[in-house]
């Protein structure tokens, strides 16, 4: 059995975040036995401008998943956001969740995640190796062709091996252009109505601040 995992600041969670997990599930459900789609908002110590509290981001994630036709499979795990007192590296999060749910973890993200892993200033190589020894990657191409991604991956031997072993799964399909950054800039359509209402009620974002 496996679980899908989408971590991140989720500040706030968008329609594209939910669509990414739905796409991963629909793509992999026949070849993997997947019973959970886990969302894990980052700890409040994560360094990002305008990051609202973990409590609010967990609450908005719980609202967002209600809009999915497979909402019964979704779980918002608050270990990283609320239970930890520090920023949790992704490999530590994967290790924790694989033990907690006793399942293999498949990490879901965009091509920006994969390209970030190849940048030592963003992801130390030792952390990337630890991560890929514990989980598979499901990468959704965002403005980059799968062929181009493969070429880039093959520049690093340990990533090339993971690609050849099908531990890195690449798919070229759009899940929409909605982003948390666009929402904070005032594009409310990026999020589901119940998330927008929550953000408005709690006055979480000043939409003029990033224009």
Foldseek 3Di string as FASTA:
>chain_A
DEEEEEEEQCLPPFLLSLLQQVVVCVVCVVPDPYQAYEYEHAAPQPDDPLRDALVLRLVLVLVQLVPDPVSVRYDYDHCRRPVDPHTDQPLRVLVVVCVVVVHQYEYEEEVVVVVLQVDCVRHNVVSVVSNLVRHAYEYEYDPDDPVRSLVVQVVDPVSVVCVVVVSYHYDYDDSDDQDSVVVLLPPVNRHDPVSVVSCVVVVSHDNPPVD
